[in-house]
Amino acid sequence: MPEAGTIELIDTSTTNILGSPYNVIIFNDESHSCFEVTAQIIKATHCSAGKAATIMHEAHTTGRAICFSGGLERCELIEQVLAEIKLRTEIEKA
C-alpha cells in the first residue's frame, strides 16, 4: 500500500488485464517496399525497428504474421494505422 500523498502507478494495459484476446494479422504485400511496411508497423504499434523488421520478414516469407496482440479496441486502432497505406490486415481471436 502506498504512503499517503504518493501516487501508485498501475499498468492498465489491456494485455495485462485481459490477456491477449485478439491478434492483428498483416499479410504479405507486393506493392510496398520492405522499408515502407516496417515503418508503418513501427508507426502503428510503437515497437522497435528490429521487431517491426521481424514481423515484416515473417509476413513476406510465410504470407502472414501476427503484428500485434491485445484488446479489440487497440487492435482496431492499429489496423486503422496499417490501413493508411492500404496494407491488408485482419483481426482474429487469439
Foldseek 3Di string as FASTA:
>chain_A
DDDPPDDDDDDPFQCVPPNFFKFKKFFQDPPDDLVVQLVLLCVLPVDDSVVSSVQNVCRNPVGMGGSDTGDPVSSVSSVVSSCVVDTDIDMDTD
